[in-house]
Protein backbone atom coordinates (compact mmCIF):
# COMPACT_ATOMS: atom_id res chain seq x y z
CA MET A 1 94.60 128.54 121.92
CA LYS A 2 98.25 129.56 121.75
CA CYS A 3 99.39 132.12 119.20
CA PRO A 4 101.58 130.32 116.63
CA SER A 5 103.86 133.38 116.53
CA CYS A 6 104.49 134.31 120.17
CA GLY A 7 102.82 131.55 122.22
CA ASN A 8 100.48 133.93 124.05
CA GLU A 9 97.22 132.25 125.12
CA ASP A 10 95.03 135.36 124.98
CA ASP A 11 93.33 136.13 121.67
CA LYS A 12 90.11 137.49 120.27
CA VAL A 13 87.88 136.04 117.58
CA VAL A 14 87.68 138.41 114.61
CA ASP A 15 85.39 136.32 112.37
CA SER A 16 83.47 133.01 112.56
CA ARG A 17 81.70 131.14 109.80
CA ALA A 18 80.33 127.69 109.10
CA VAL A 19 82.36 125.49 106.74
CA ARG A 20 82.23 121.89 105.47
CA GLU A 21 78.53 122.12 104.82
CA GLY A 22 77.84 123.29 108.38
CA ARG A 23 79.80 120.50 110.07
CA ALA A 24 82.64 122.77 111.23
CA VAL A 25 83.33 126.38 112.23
CA ARG A 26 86.22 128.44 110.89
CA ARG A 27 87.46 131.16 113.24
CA ARG A 28 89.86 134.00 112.44
CA ARG A 29 91.69 134.96 115.60
CA GLU A 30 93.98 137.82 116.55
CA CYS A 31 96.60 137.57 119.29
CA THR A 32 96.18 140.34 121.87
CA ALA A 33 99.93 140.41 122.55
CA CYS A 34 101.56 140.54 119.09
CA GLY A 35 98.61 141.16 116.74
CA GLU A 36 99.28 138.02 114.66
CA ARG A 37 96.17 136.69 112.90
CA TYR A 38 95.59 132.97 112.47
CA THR A 39 92.78 130.56 111.61
CA THR A 40 91.39 127.70 113.68
CA TYR A 41 88.75 125.11 112.87
CA GLU A 42 86.29 123.57 115.27
CA SER A 43 84.36 120.40 114.45
CA LEU A 44 82.53 117.60 116.16
CA GLU A 45 84.65 114.78 117.41
CA THR A 46 83.58 111.68 115.55
CA ARG A 47 84.10 107.98 116.09
CA PRO A 48 87.11 106.75 114.17
CA VAL A 49 86.36 104.76 111.04
CA VAL A 50 88.57 101.76 110.35
CA VAL A 51 89.40 101.03 106.72
CA ILE A 52 89.91 97.41 105.72
CA LYS A 53 92.57 97.32 103.02
CA ARG A 54 92.65 94.73 100.24
CA SER A 55 95.36 92.87 102.15
CA GLY A 56 93.01 92.54 105.13
CA GLU A 57 95.01 95.02 107.19
CA ARG A 58 92.91 97.42 109.24
CA VAL A 59 93.97 101.08 109.44
CA THR A 60 92.31 104.18 110.83
CA TYR A 61 90.75 106.37 108.14
CA ASP A 62 93.17 109.15 107.21
CA ARG A 63 91.73 112.26 105.58
CA SER A 64 95.13 113.36 104.32
CA LYS A 65 95.52 110.16 102.27
CA VAL A 66 92.19 110.75 100.54
CA ILE A 67 93.05 114.41 99.87
CA LEU A 68 96.42 113.34 98.42
CA GLY A 69 94.81 110.79 96.11
CA VAL A 70 92.16 113.23 94.89
CA THR A 71 94.75 116.01 94.48
CA LYS A 72 96.96 113.76 92.33
CA ALA A 73 93.99 112.84 90.16
CA CYS A 74 93.14 116.53 89.74
CA GLU A 75 96.67 117.73 88.86
CA LYS A 76 96.63 120.18 85.95
CA ARG A 77 92.83 120.08 85.88
CA PRO A 78 90.45 122.98 86.55
CA VAL A 79 89.55 121.65 90.00
CA SER A 80 90.17 124.01 92.90
CA LEU A 81 91.48 123.00 96.31
CA GLU A 82 88.09 124.04 97.68
CA GLU A 83 86.38 121.53 95.37
CA ILE A 84 88.81 118.82 96.49
CA GLU A 85 88.03 119.61 100.14
CA THR A 86 84.31 119.45 99.34
CA ILE A 87 84.72 116.03 97.69
CA VAL A 88 86.55 114.70 100.75
CA ASP A 89 83.98 116.29 103.09
CA ARG A 90 81.21 114.50 101.21
CA VAL A 91 83.06 111.19 101.32
CA GLU A 92 83.50 111.60 105.08
CA HIS A 93 79.85 112.51 105.49
CA ARG A 94 78.83 109.31 103.68
CA LEU A 95 81.17 107.29 105.87
CA ALA A 96 79.84 108.92 109.06
CA THR A 97 76.19 108.44 108.13
CA SER A 98 76.68 104.83 107.01
CA GLY A 99 76.66 103.79 110.65
CA ARG A 100 79.54 101.40 110.00
CA ARG A 101 82.71 101.60 112.07
CA GLU A 102 84.65 99.44 109.60
CA VAL A 103 84.50 99.90 105.84
CA PRO A 104 86.40 98.25 103.01
CA ALA A 105 88.91 100.50 101.21
CA GLU A 106 86.86 99.74 98.09
CA THR A 107 83.91 101.62 99.61
CA VAL A 108 86.03 104.71 100.25
CA GLY A 109 87.38 104.54 96.69
CA ASN A 110 83.90 104.17 95.23
CA TYR A 111 82.66 107.18 97.21
CA VAL A 112 85.58 109.24 95.87
CA MET A 113 84.87 108.11 92.31
CA ASP A 114 81.17 108.96 92.67
CA HIS A 115 82.05 112.55 93.55
CA LEU A 116 84.93 112.93 91.06
CA TYR A 117 82.60 111.71 88.31
CA GLU A 118 80.42 114.77 88.91
CA VAL A 119 83.39 117.19 89.00
CA ASP A 120 85.86 116.25 86.24
CA ASP A 121 85.96 113.37 83.73
CA VAL A 122 89.74 113.29 83.43
CA ALA A 123 90.30 113.32 87.20
CA TYR A 124 87.71 110.54 87.50
CA VAL A 125 89.55 108.39 84.92
CA ARG A 126 92.94 109.09 86.54
CA PHE A 127 91.68 108.10 89.98
CA ALA A 128 89.90 105.03 88.61
CA SER A 129 93.00 103.86 86.72
CA VAL A 130 95.08 103.84 89.91
CA TYR A 131 92.28 102.68 92.20
CA HIS A 132 91.19 99.73 90.04
CA SER A 133 94.74 98.58 89.19
CA PHE A 134 93.71 97.57 85.68
CA ARG A 135 95.44 94.44 84.47
CA SER A 136 94.91 95.15 80.79
CA ILE A 137 94.32 98.03 78.45
CA ASP A 138 90.95 96.48 77.58
CA GLU A 139 89.74 96.95 81.18
CA PHE A 140 90.80 100.60 80.98
CA PHE A 141 89.01 101.11 77.65
CA ASP A 142 85.88 99.49 79.06
CA LEU A 143 85.84 102.18 81.76
CA LEU A 144 86.26 104.91 79.13
CA ARG A 145 83.54 103.46 76.90
CA GLY A 146 81.13 103.27 79.84
CA LEU A 147 81.91 106.86 80.79
CA ARG A 148 81.39 108.06 77.22
CA GLN A 149 78.09 106.18 76.87
CA GLU A 150 76.77 107.59 80.11
CA ARG A 151 77.87 111.14 79.27
CA ASN A 152 76.33 110.91 75.79
CA GLY A 153 73.12 109.53 77.30
CA ARG A 154 72.84 112.61 79.57
CA ARG A 155 72.85 115.06 76.67
């Protein structure tokens, strides 16, 4: 691993810990030449998942797109970046354990909504409103009514 500061290839590991529910290792490293500290992540290499978009186009799953969508839904909400990472980790775990190499974009969106539902109602509704592309206000209100009924039923 090259130091991002000086390019030296000799470093020492200062700290290691499991992250992403044990599916990756975070390592704090220190360059032996300049003393710069930096973080690396090590994870299993997985088979790529292909997402089938509504148009029929096939694209490789892109974690950054999912993080961006969840982050936008969680703007100005009490949802930490760590919680967003956890949501995306769980979505990826579901994709990996499904055994499918191709999944419809709808499946990815539903997995995200399942996890957002448990974290924040407003973020869930924001994501759903973009994801479902509601054609009328009635469709949107139906989602809100269903959410309210389910939340009231839990109490």
